[in-house]
Amino acid sequence: MDKISQSNIAILVTCYNRRDKTIQCLKNLFSQAGIKEDFTIEVFLVDDGSSDGTSEAVNMQFPQVHIIPGNGSLYWNRGMHLAWQKAKESADFDYFLWLNDDTDLMPDALIEMLDCVAIKNDEAIICGAICSKQTGLFSYGGRTEDGKEILPHNSMPSCHVINGNCVLVSRNICNAIGILDPAFPHALGDFEYGLRAAHNGFEVVTTRKYIGYCERSSVPQQWCNSKVPLNRRVKALYSPMAYCHPVHFFRFEKKYYGLAKALKHYCSIHLRLLLPSLWK
């Protein structure tokens, strides 16, 4: 526990027009067990042009939060990149925690994550296992190379890719591999960072238990829905928020899986865009 007592953590959050969720996320964060006694936190929140009064509400209820205005086109990954930049400029933190504002942390979430990283001697990224509050089942966290969910276990199983809902990165790893890649606007930045760490010899593991709640997104993918007109499918596929944005996905796959696989999926994505009825 001596290591935890000396830890200062930069909390990185980005938000856009989810005032109530953002406020609830911060309430859970500032109610963490051990805060101020065993560790300290400093929050860097990028508000990417919210029009619902998010910044005003945060400033009123949590004046200690550093609010960083975005330009309205940062989305998740570039917003988190900016928050990380500002945190690094502010102080020499021991840890950096990515936190999605739609994720409700359990009261001992940070204690669990700090315990895990201490066991790994700061040489591992700790991916928080997140479950549905409604069902108690896995919703976000680590996955195997073939996409299977990695359930939390005492052995802290290794992850191939990670969701960025709640992720702890040590100063050691940050200094060695840098921060999130701003080439990705919204999606894939968390996947890329986990793979980058692994390629540089660091472990990427999940927590020993669930540490927060978040419901899995149920928004349908319009770009591959045959009932959606083609022009709208194209717009959806090339949206900055699209997970399978062809250019970003090609860049990601080429770097970690090779040119052949990247070209194959670049072609198959466009084939599915044009003929979505071929896929069930």
C-alpha atoms as a PDB file:
ATOM      1  CA  MET A   1       0.000   0.000   0.000  1.00  0.00           C
ATOM      2  CA  ASP A   2       2.993   2.342   0.251  1.00  0.00           C
ATOM      3  CA  LYS A   3       3.076   2.592  -3.545  1.00  0.00           C
ATOM      4  CA  ILE A   4      -0.605   3.504  -3.682  1.00  0.00           C
ATOM      5  CA  SER A   5      -0.188   6.130  -0.965  1.00  0.00           C
ATOM      6  CA  GLN A   6       2.439   7.904  -3.094  1.00  0.00           C
ATOM      7  CA  SER A   7       0.435   7.804  -6.324  1.00  0.00           C
ATOM      8  CA  ASN A   8      -0.959  10.817  -8.105  1.00  0.00           C
ATOM      9  CA  ILE A   9      -3.289  10.062 -11.001  1.00  0.00           C
ATOM     10  CA  ALA A  10      -4.323  12.235 -13.924  1.00  0.00           C
ATOM     11  CA  ILE A  11      -7.909  11.392 -14.886  1.00  0.00           C
ATOM     12  CA  LEU A  12      -8.561  11.919 -18.607  1.00  0.00           C
ATOM     13  CA  VAL A  13     -12.158  12.453 -19.768  1.00  0.00           C
ATOM     14  CA  THR A  14     -13.747  13.802 -22.935  1.00  0.00           C
ATOM     15  CA  CYS A  15     -17.403  14.705 -23.271  1.00  0.00           C
ATOM     16  CA  TYR A  16     -20.017  16.068 -25.625  1.00  0.00           C
ATOM     17  CA  ASN A  17     -23.623  16.890 -24.722  1.00  0.00           C
ATOM     18  CA  ARG A  18     -24.053  14.238 -22.018  1.00  0.00           C
ATOM     19  CA  ARG A  19     -24.253  16.615 -19.064  1.00  0.00           C
ATOM     20  CA  ASP A  20     -26.097  14.297 -16.690  1.00  0.00           C
ATOM     21  CA  LYS A  21     -23.858  11.327 -17.468  1.00  0.00           C
ATOM     22  CA  THR A  22     -20.735  13.455 -17.155  1.00  0.00           C
ATOM     23  CA  ILE A  23     -21.837  14.766 -13.750  1.00  0.00           C
ATOM     24  CA  GLN A  24     -22.713  11.263 -12.539  1.00  0.00           C
ATOM     25  CA  CYS A  25     -19.363   9.950 -13.733  1.00  0.00           C
ATOM     26  CA  LEU A  26     -17.539  12.653 -11.776  1.00  0.00           C
ATOM     27  CA  LYS A  27     -19.641  12.019  -8.662  1.00  0.00           C
ATOM     28  CA  ASN A  28     -18.618   8.360  -8.745  1.00  0.00           C
ATOM     29  CA  LEU A  29     -15.008   9.334  -9.361  1.00  0.00           C
ATOM     30  CA  PHE A  30     -14.771  11.755  -6.444  1.00  0.00           C
ATOM     31  CA  SER A  31     -16.466   9.194  -4.169  1.00  0.00           C
ATOM     32  CA  GLN A  32     -13.757   6.572  -4.695  1.00  0.00           C
ATOM     33  CA  ALA A  33     -12.492   4.662  -1.675  1.00  0.00           C
ATOM     34  CA  GLY A  34      -8.985   5.768  -0.693  1.00  0.00           C
ATOM     35  CA  ILE A  35      -9.101   9.125  -2.434  1.00  0.00           C
ATOM     36  CA  LYS A  36      -6.868  11.716  -0.733  1.00  0.00           C
ATOM     37  CA  GLU A  37      -5.880   9.125   1.892  1.00  0.00           C
ATOM     38  CA  ASP A  38      -4.177   6.548  -0.344  1.00  0.00           C
ATOM     39  CA  PHE A  39      -3.849   8.458  -3.637  1.00  0.00           C
ATOM     40  CA  THR A  40      -4.694  11.791  -5.228  1.00  0.00           C
ATOM     41  CA  ILE A  41      -6.420  12.587  -8.499  1.00  0.00           C
ATOM     42  CA  GLU A  42      -6.510  15.544 -10.854  1.00  0.00           C
ATOM     43  CA  VAL A  43      -9.157  15.606 -13.579  1.00  0.00           C
ATOM     44  CA  PHE A  44      -8.595  16.905 -17.115  1.00  0.00           C
ATOM     45  CA  LEU A  45     -11.928  17.127 -18.944  1.00  0.00           C
ATOM     46  CA  VAL A  46     -12.162  18.037 -22.633  1.00  0.00           C
ATOM     47  CA  ASP A  47     -15.585  19.459 -23.464  1.00  0.00           C
ATOM     48  CA  ASP A  48     -15.746  19.226 -27.233  1.00  0.00           C
ATOM     49  CA  GLY A  49     -18.245  22.020 -27.833  1.00  0.00           C
ATOM     50  CA  SER A  50     -21.184  20.841 -25.711  1.00  0.00           C
ATOM     51  CA  SER A  51     -24.313  22.993 -26.032  1.00  0.00           C
ATOM     52  CA  ASP A  52     -26.174  21.484 -23.062  1.00  0.00           C
ATOM     53  CA  GLY A  53     -24.348  23.337 -20.306  1.00  0.00           C
ATOM     54  CA  THR A  54     -21.939  20.546 -19.435  1.00  0.00           C
ATOM     55  CA  SER A  55     -18.979  22.829 -18.700  1.00  0.00           C
ATOM     56  CA  GLU A  56     -21.077  25.154 -16.572  1.00  0.00           C
ATOM     57  CA  ALA A  57     -22.505  22.266 -14.546  1.00  0.00           C
ATOM     58  CA  VAL A  58     -19.061  20.701 -14.031  1.00  0.00           C
ATOM     59  CA  ASN A  59     -17.555  24.030 -13.012  1.00  0.00           C
ATOM     60  CA  MET A  60     -20.339  24.602 -10.482  1.00  0.00           C
ATOM     61  CA  GLN A  61     -20.227  21.157  -8.856  1.00  0.00           C
ATOM     62  CA  PHE A  62     -16.548  20.263  -9.358  1.00  0.00           C
ATOM     63  CA  PRO A  63     -14.540  23.501  -9.596  1.00  0.00           C
ATOM     64  CA  GLN A  64     -11.298  21.531  -9.136  1.00  0.00           C
ATOM     65  CA  VAL A  65     -11.719  19.906 -12.580  1.00  0.00           C
ATOM     66  CA  HIS A  66      -9.572  21.337 -15.378  1.00  0.00           C
ATOM     67  CA  ILE A  67     -12.005  22.016 -18.228  1.00  0.00           C
ATOM     68  CA  ILE A  68     -10.340  22.118 -21.657  1.00  0.00           C
ATOM     69  CA  PRO A  69     -12.504  23.454 -24.501  1.00  0.00           C
ATOM     70  CA  GLY A  70     -12.492  21.499 -27.742  1.00  0.00           C
ATOM     71  CA  ASN A  71     -13.216  22.772 -31.244  1.00  0.00           C
ATOM     72  CA  GLY A  72     -16.254  20.559 -31.778  1.00  0.00           C
ATOM     73  CA  SER A  73     -14.509  18.060 -34.049  1.00  0.00           C
ATOM     74  CA  LEU A  74     -12.246  16.120 -31.669  1.00  0.00           C
ATOM     75  CA  TYR A  75     -14.508  13.157 -30.903  1.00  0.00           C
ATOM     76  CA  TRP A  76     -13.316  10.524 -28.382  1.00  0.00           C
ATOM     77  CA  ASN A  77      -9.751   9.700 -29.324  1.00  0.00           C
ATOM     78  CA  ARG A  78      -8.583  13.184 -30.245  1.00  0.00           C
ATOM     79  CA  GLY A  79     -10.344  14.577 -27.186  1.00  0.00           C
ATOM     80  CA  MET A  80      -8.531  12.085 -24.968  1.00  0.00           C
ATOM     81  CA  HIS A  81      -5.273  12.889 -26.753  1.00  0.00           C
ATOM     82  CA  LEU A  82      -5.746  16.577 -25.927  1.00  0.00           C
ATOM     83  CA  ALA A  83      -6.609  15.815 -22.281  1.00  0.00           C
ATOM     84  CA  TRP A  84      -3.460  13.667 -22.030  1.00  0.00           C
ATOM     85  CA  GLN A  85      -1.315  16.395 -23.540  1.00  0.00           C
ATOM     86  CA  LYS A  86      -2.611  18.957 -21.032  1.00  0.00           C
ATOM     87  CA  ALA A  87      -2.098  16.555 -18.124  1.00  0.00           C
ATOM     88  CA  LYS A  88       1.513  15.909 -19.117  1.00  0.00           C
ATOM     89  CA  GLU A  89       2.132  19.638 -19.386  1.00  0.00           C
ATOM     90  CA  SER A  90       0.608  20.195 -15.953  1.00  0.00           C
ATOM     91  CA  ALA A  91       2.613  17.792 -13.758  1.00  0.00           C
ATOM     92  CA  ASP A  92       4.696  14.615 -13.653  1.00  0.00           C
ATOM     93  CA  PHE A  93       1.913  12.151 -12.828  1.00  0.00           C
ATOM     94  CA  ASP A  94       2.528   8.572 -11.726  1.00  0.00           C
ATOM     95  CA  TYR A  95      -0.485   7.294 -13.676  1.00  0.00           C
ATOM     96  CA  PHE A  96      -2.952   8.325 -16.334  1.00  0.00           C
ATOM     97  CA  LEU A  97      -6.510   6.970 -16.227  1.00  0.00           C
ATOM     98  CA  TRP A  98      -8.764   7.032 -19.283  1.00  0.00           C
ATOM     99  CA  LEU A  99     -12.377   7.311 -18.176  1.00  0.00           C
ATOM    100  CA  ASN A 100     -15.496   7.398 -20.340  1.00  0.00           C
ATOM    101  CA  ASP A 101     -18.183   9.668 -18.980  1.00  0.00           C
ATOM    102  CA  ASP A 102     -20.857   6.989 -19.539  1.00  0.00           C
ATOM    103  CA  THR A 103     -19.007   4.579 -17.228  1.00  0.00           C
ATOM    104  CA  ASP A 104     -20.094   4.465 -13.575  1.00  0.00           C
ATOM    105  CA  LEU A 105     -17.184   3.393 -11.406  1.00  0.00           C
ATOM    106  CA  MET A 106     -17.727   1.086  -8.450  1.00  0.00           C
ATOM    107  CA  PRO A 107     -16.508   2.566  -5.124  1.00  0.00           C
ATOM    108  CA  ASP A 108     -13.235   0.584  -5.053  1.00  0.00           C
ATOM    109  CA  ALA A 109     -12.422   0.804  -8.768  1.00  0.00           C
ATOM    110  CA  LEU A 110      -9.238   2.842  -8.438  1.00  0.00           C
ATOM    111  CA  ILE A 111      -7.964   0.783  -5.506  1.00  0.00           C
ATOM    112  CA  GLU A 112      -8.382  -2.357  -7.615  1.00  0.00           C
ATOM    113  CA  MET A 113      -6.609  -0.855 -10.612  1.00  0.00           C
ATOM    114  CA  LEU A 114      -3.724   0.460  -8.510  1.00  0.00           C
ATOM    115  CA  ASP A 115      -3.365  -2.899  -6.791  1.00  0.00           C
ATOM    116  CA  CYS A 116      -3.202  -4.589 -10.199  1.00  0.00           C
ATOM    117  CA  VAL A 117      -0.592  -2.224 -11.600  1.00  0.00           C
ATOM    118  CA  ALA A 118       1.495  -2.562  -8.421  1.00  0.00           C
ATOM    119  CA  ILE A 119       1.508  -6.350  -8.843  1.00  0.00           C
ATOM    120  CA  LYS A 120       2.804  -5.803 -12.382  1.00  0.00           C
ATOM    121  CA  ASN A 121       5.468  -3.312 -11.201  1.00  0.00           C
ATOM    122  CA  ASP A 122       4.056  -0.576 -13.433  1.00  0.00           C
ATOM    123  CA  GLU A 123       4.989  -2.608 -16.520  1.00  0.00           C
ATOM    124  CA  ALA A 124       1.418  -3.378 -17.623  1.00  0.00           C
ATOM    125  CA  ILE A 125      -1.588  -1.461 -18.883  1.00  0.00           C
ATOM    126  CA  ILE A 126      -4.594  -2.227 -16.683  1.00  0.00           C
ATOM    127  CA  CYS A 127      -7.888  -2.462 -18.576  1.00  0.00           C
ATOM    128  CA  GLY A 128     -10.935  -2.162 -16.342  1.00  0.00           C
ATOM    129  CA  ALA A 129     -13.510  -4.906 -16.811  1.00  0.00           C
ATOM    130  CA  ILE A 130     -16.926  -3.251 -17.205  1.00  0.00           C
ATOM    131  CA  CYS A 131     -20.311  -4.929 -16.931  1.00  0.00           C
ATOM    132  CA  SER A 132     -23.963  -4.129 -17.532  1.00  0.00           C
ATOM    133  CA  LYS A 133     -25.771  -2.862 -14.461  1.00  0.00           C
ATOM    134  CA  GLN A 134     -28.939  -4.497 -15.755  1.00  0.00           C
ATOM    135  CA  THR A 135     -27.596  -8.001 -16.365  1.00  0.00           C
ATOM    136  CA  GLY A 136     -24.225  -8.130 -14.604  1.00  0.00           C
ATOM    137  CA  LEU A 137     -22.685  -9.458 -17.823  1.00  0.00           C
ATOM    138  CA  PHE A 138     -19.528  -8.227 -19.568  1.00  0.00           C
ATOM    139  CA  SER A 139     -20.034  -5.128 -21.691  1.00  0.00           C
ATOM    140  CA  TYR A 140     -16.574  -3.580 -22.230  1.00  0.00           C
ATOM    141  CA  GLY A 141     -12.963  -4.405 -21.389  1.00  0.00           C
ATOM    142  CA  GLY A 142     -10.381  -6.687 -22.944  1.00  0.00           C
ATOM    143  CA  ARG A 143     -10.813  -9.101 -25.848  1.00  0.00           C
ATOM    144  CA  THR A 144      -8.834 -11.884 -27.481  1.00  0.00           C
ATOM    145  CA  GLU A 145      -7.476 -11.624 -31.024  1.00  0.00           C
ATOM    146  CA  ASP A 146     -10.611 -13.318 -32.356  1.00  0.00           C
ATOM    147  CA  GLY A 147     -12.886 -10.923 -30.472  1.00  0.00           C
ATOM    148  CA  LYS A 148     -13.900 -13.068 -27.505  1.00  0.00           C
ATOM    149  CA  GLU A 149     -14.655 -11.296 -24.240  1.00  0.00           C
ATOM    150  CA  ILE A 150     -12.033 -11.641 -21.517  1.00  0.00           C
ATOM    151  CA  LEU A 151     -13.795 -12.027 -18.204  1.00  0.00           C
ATOM    152  CA  PRO A 152     -12.116 -10.732 -15.040  1.00  0.00           C
ATOM    153  CA  HIS A 153     -10.129 -13.310 -13.098  1.00  0.00           C
ATOM    154  CA  ASN A 154      -7.670 -13.301 -10.196  1.00  0.00           C
ATOM    155  CA  SER A 155      -4.824 -14.110 -12.586  1.00  0.00           C
ATOM    156  CA  MET A 156      -5.345 -10.826 -14.514  1.00  0.00           C
ATOM    157  CA  PRO A 157      -5.588 -12.442 -17.979  1.00  0.00           C
ATOM    158  CA  SER A 158      -3.834 -10.816 -20.911  1.00  0.00           C
ATOM    159  CA  CYS A 159      -5.799  -8.860 -23.521  1.00  0.00           C
ATOM    160  CA  HIS A 160      -5.169  -8.524 -27.242  1.00  0.00           C
ATOM    161  CA  VAL A 161      -7.242  -5.360 -27.672  1.00  0.00           C
ATOM    162  CA  ILE A 162      -8.870  -3.103 -25.093  1.00  0.00           C
ATOM    163  CA  ASN A 163     -11.858  -0.799 -24.859  1.00  0.00           C
ATOM    164  CA  GLY A 164     -11.004   2.606 -23.448  1.00  0.00           C
ATOM    165  CA  ASN A 165     -13.845   2.892 -20.904  1.00  0.00           C
ATOM    166  CA  CYS A 166     -11.486   2.770 -17.930  1.00  0.00           C
ATOM    167  CA  VAL A 167      -7.793   2.131 -18.510  1.00  0.00           C
ATOM    168  CA  LEU A 168      -4.785   2.807 -16.286  1.00  0.00           C
ATOM    169  CA  VAL A 169      -1.421   3.634 -17.885  1.00  0.00           C
ATOM    170  CA  SER A 170       1.721   4.075 -15.801  1.00  0.00           C
ATOM    171  CA  ARG A 171       4.228   6.864 -16.314  1.00  0.00           C
ATOM    172  CA  ASN A 172       6.779   4.193 -17.304  1.00  0.00           C
ATOM    173  CA  ILE A 173       4.667   3.060 -20.238  1.00  0.00           C
ATOM    174  CA  CYS A 174       3.662   6.587 -21.231  1.00  0.00           C
ATOM    175  CA  ASN A 175       7.301   7.678 -21.326  1.00  0.00           C
ATOM    176  CA  ALA A 176       8.226   4.626 -23.395  1.00  0.00           C
ATOM    177  CA  ILE A 177       5.499   4.638 -26.068  1.00  0.00           C
ATOM    178  CA  GLY A 178       3.846   8.048 -25.898  1.00  0.00           C
ATOM    179  CA  ILE A 179       0.148   8.861 -25.760  1.00  0.00           C
ATOM    180  CA  LEU A 180      -2.894   8.126 -27.922  1.00  0.00           C
ATOM    181  CA  ASP A 181      -2.373   8.532 -31.672  1.00  0.00           C
ATOM    182  CA  PRO A 182      -4.383  11.572 -32.891  1.00  0.00           C
ATOM    183  CA  ALA A 183      -4.498  10.120 -36.408  1.00  0.00           C
ATOM    184  CA  PHE A 184      -7.672   8.355 -35.235  1.00  0.00           C
ATOM    185  CA  PRO A 185     -10.534  10.815 -34.589  1.00  0.00           C
ATOM    186  CA  HIS A 186     -12.946   8.659 -32.588  1.00  0.00           C
ATOM    187  CA  ALA A 187     -12.532   4.888 -32.639  1.00  0.00           C
ATOM    188  CA  LEU A 188      -9.506   2.544 -32.821  1.00  0.00           C
ATOM    189  CA  GLY A 189      -7.221   4.712 -30.706  1.00  0.00           C
ATOM    190  CA  ASP A 190      -7.713   2.486 -27.659  1.00  0.00           C
ATOM    191  CA  PHE A 191      -7.124  -0.679 -29.716  1.00  0.00           C
ATOM    192  CA  GLU A 192      -4.003   0.845 -31.258  1.00  0.00           C
ATOM    193  CA  TYR A 193      -2.545   1.941 -27.925  1.00  0.00           C
ATOM    194  CA  GLY A 194      -2.914  -1.499 -26.351  1.00  0.00           C
ATOM    195  CA  LEU A 195      -1.285  -3.167 -29.344  1.00  0.00           C
ATOM    196  CA  ARG A 196       1.485  -0.569 -29.386  1.00  0.00           C
ATOM    197  CA  ALA A 197       2.239  -1.313 -25.730  1.00  0.00           C
ATOM    198  CA  ALA A 198       2.328  -5.057 -26.384  1.00  0.00           C
ATOM    199  CA  HIS A 199       4.606  -4.604 -29.405  1.00  0.00           C
ATOM    200  CA  ASN A 200       6.972  -2.682 -27.144  1.00  0.00           C
ATOM    201  CA  GLY A 201       7.183  -5.486 -24.617  1.00  0.00           C
ATOM    202  CA  PHE A 202       4.600  -4.378 -22.057  1.00  0.00           C
ATOM    203  CA  GLU A 203       1.731  -6.484 -20.740  1.00  0.00           C
ATOM    204  CA  VAL A 204      -1.905  -5.550 -21.279  1.00  0.00           C
ATOM    205  CA  VAL A 205      -4.161  -7.178 -18.692  1.00  0.00           C
ATOM    206  CA  THR A 206      -7.667  -6.914 -17.313  1.00  0.00           C
ATOM    207  CA  THR A 207      -8.679  -6.263 -13.718  1.00  0.00           C
ATOM    208  CA  ARG A 208      -9.411  -9.155 -11.365  1.00  0.00           C
ATOM    209  CA  LYS A 209     -13.053  -8.127 -11.038  1.00  0.00           C
ATOM    210  CA  TYR A 210     -15.596  -5.786 -12.583  1.00  0.00           C
ATOM    211  CA  ILE A 211     -14.854  -2.203 -11.595  1.00  0.00           C
ATOM    212  CA  GLY A 212     -17.664  -0.273 -13.271  1.00  0.00           C
ATOM    213  CA  TYR A 213     -20.952  -0.275 -15.119  1.00  0.00           C
ATOM    214  CA  CYS A 214     -21.761   0.684 -18.698  1.00  0.00           C
ATOM    215  CA  GLU A 215     -24.453  -0.587 -21.015  1.00  0.00           C
ATOM    216  CA  ARG A 216     -23.235  -1.899 -24.354  1.00  0.00           C
ATOM    217  CA  SER A 217     -24.051   0.368 -27.288  1.00  0.00           C
ATOM    218  CA  SER A 218     -27.056  -0.839 -29.257  1.00  0.00           C
ATOM    219  CA  VAL A 219     -26.862   1.765 -32.039  1.00  0.00           C
ATOM    220  CA  PRO A 220     -27.238  -0.082 -35.393  1.00  0.00           C
ATOM    221  CA  GLN A 221     -24.523   0.288 -38.032  1.00  0.00           C
ATOM    222  CA  GLN A 222     -26.263   2.257 -40.784  1.00  0.00           C
ATOM    223  CA  TRP A 223     -23.474   1.778 -43.313  1.00  0.00           C
ATOM    224  CA  CYS A 224     -24.237  -1.931 -43.684  1.00  0.00           C
ATOM    225  CA  ASN A 225     -28.035  -1.771 -43.324  1.00  0.00           C
ATOM    226  CA  SER A 226     -29.727  -2.613 -46.632  1.00  0.00           C
ATOM    227  CA  LYS A 227     -32.810  -0.600 -45.606  1.00  0.00           C
ATOM    228  CA  VAL A 228     -30.746   2.606 -45.523  1.00  0.00           C
ATOM    229  CA  PRO A 229     -30.253   4.443 -48.864  1.00  0.00           C
ATOM    230  CA  LEU A 230     -26.767   4.161 -50.370  1.00  0.00           C
ATOM    231  CA  ASN A 231     -25.894   7.846 -49.986  1.00  0.00           C
ATOM    232  CA  ARG A 232     -26.669   7.670 -46.265  1.00  0.00           C
ATOM    233  CA  ARG A 233     -24.693   4.429 -45.937  1.00  0.00           C
ATOM    234  CA  VAL A 234     -21.649   6.097 -47.528  1.00  0.00           C
ATOM    235  CA  LYS A 235     -21.984   9.084 -45.208  1.00  0.00           C
ATOM    236  CA  ALA A 236     -22.251   6.807 -42.166  1.00  0.00           C
ATOM    237  CA  LEU A 237     -19.223   4.731 -43.186  1.00  0.00           C
ATOM    238  CA  TYR A 238     -17.042   7.787 -43.706  1.00  0.00           C
ATOM    239  CA  SER A 239     -18.243   9.560 -40.557  1.00  0.00           C
ATOM    240  CA  PRO A 240     -15.412  10.364 -38.103  1.00  0.00           C
ATOM    241  CA  MET A 241     -17.321   8.302 -35.525  1.00  0.00           C
ATOM    242  CA  ALA A 242     -17.451   5.166 -37.678  1.00  0.00           C
ATOM    243  CA  TYR A 243     -15.550   2.203 -36.241  1.00  0.00           C
ATOM    244  CA  CYS A 244     -14.875   0.839 -39.742  1.00  0.00           C
ATOM    245  CA  HIS A 245     -13.923   4.134 -41.396  1.00  0.00           C
ATOM    246  CA  PRO A 246     -12.031   2.660 -44.376  1.00  0.00           C
ATOM    247  CA  VAL A 247      -9.000   4.968 -44.247  1.00  0.00           C
ATOM    248  CA  HIS A 248      -8.451   4.760 -40.490  1.00  0.00           C
ATOM    249  CA  PHE A 249      -9.186   1.032 -40.361  1.00  0.00           C
ATOM    250  CA  PHE A 250      -6.735   0.392 -43.224  1.00  0.00           C
ATOM    251  CA  ARG A 251      -4.011   2.364 -41.433  1.00  0.00           C
ATOM    252  CA  PHE A 252      -4.649   0.493 -38.190  1.00  0.00           C
ATOM    253  CA  GLU A 253      -4.662  -2.978 -39.756  1.00  0.00           C
ATOM    254  CA  LYS A 254      -1.660  -2.338 -41.991  1.00  0.00           C
ATOM    255  CA  LYS A 255       0.405  -1.370 -38.949  1.00  0.00           C
ATOM    256  CA  TYR A 256      -0.495  -4.372 -36.802  1.00  0.00           C
ATOM    257  CA  TYR A 257      -1.776  -7.111 -39.143  1.00  0.00           C
ATOM    258  CA  GLY A 258      -0.014  -6.485 -42.435  1.00  0.00           C
ATOM    259  CA  LEU A 259      -0.812  -5.027 -45.857  1.00  0.00           C
ATOM    260  CA  ALA A 260      -2.637  -8.124 -47.161  1.00  0.00           C
ATOM    261  CA  LYS A 261      -5.194  -8.175 -44.354  1.00  0.00           C
ATOM    262  CA  ALA A 262      -5.647  -4.406 -44.516  1.00  0.00           C
ATOM    263  CA  LEU A 263      -6.344  -4.532 -48.270  1.00  0.00           C
ATOM    264  CA  LYS A 264      -8.700  -7.473 -47.867  1.00  0.00           C
ATOM    265  CA  HIS A 265     -10.825  -5.680 -45.317  1.00  0.00           C
ATOM    266  CA  TYR A 266     -10.662  -2.369 -47.202  1.00  0.00           C
ATOM    267  CA  CYS A 267     -12.257  -4.147 -50.162  1.00  0.00           C
ATOM    268  CA  SER A 268     -14.739  -6.204 -48.115  1.00  0.00           C
ATOM    269  CA  ILE A 269     -15.947  -3.126 -46.226  1.00  0.00           C
ATOM    270  CA  HIS A 270     -16.813  -1.389 -49.501  1.00  0.00           C
ATOM    271  CA  LEU A 271     -18.389  -4.540 -50.914  1.00  0.00           C
ATOM    272  CA  ARG A 272     -20.585  -4.776 -47.836  1.00  0.00           C
ATOM    273  CA  LEU A 273     -21.411  -1.090 -48.207  1.00  0.00           C
ATOM    274  CA  LEU A 274     -22.616  -1.638 -51.780  1.00  0.00           C
ATOM    275  CA  LEU A 275     -24.269  -5.052 -51.253  1.00  0.00           C
ATOM    276  CA  PRO A 276     -25.219  -5.289 -47.560  1.00  0.00           C
ATOM    277  CA  SER A 277     -27.846  -7.954 -48.247  1.00  0.00           C
ATOM    278  CA  LEU A 278     -25.022 -10.458 -48.877  1.00  0.00           C
ATOM    279  CA  TRP A 279     -24.328 -10.382 -45.112  1.00  0.00           C
ATOM    280  CA  LYS A 280     -26.785 -11.520 -42.496  1.00  0.00           C
END
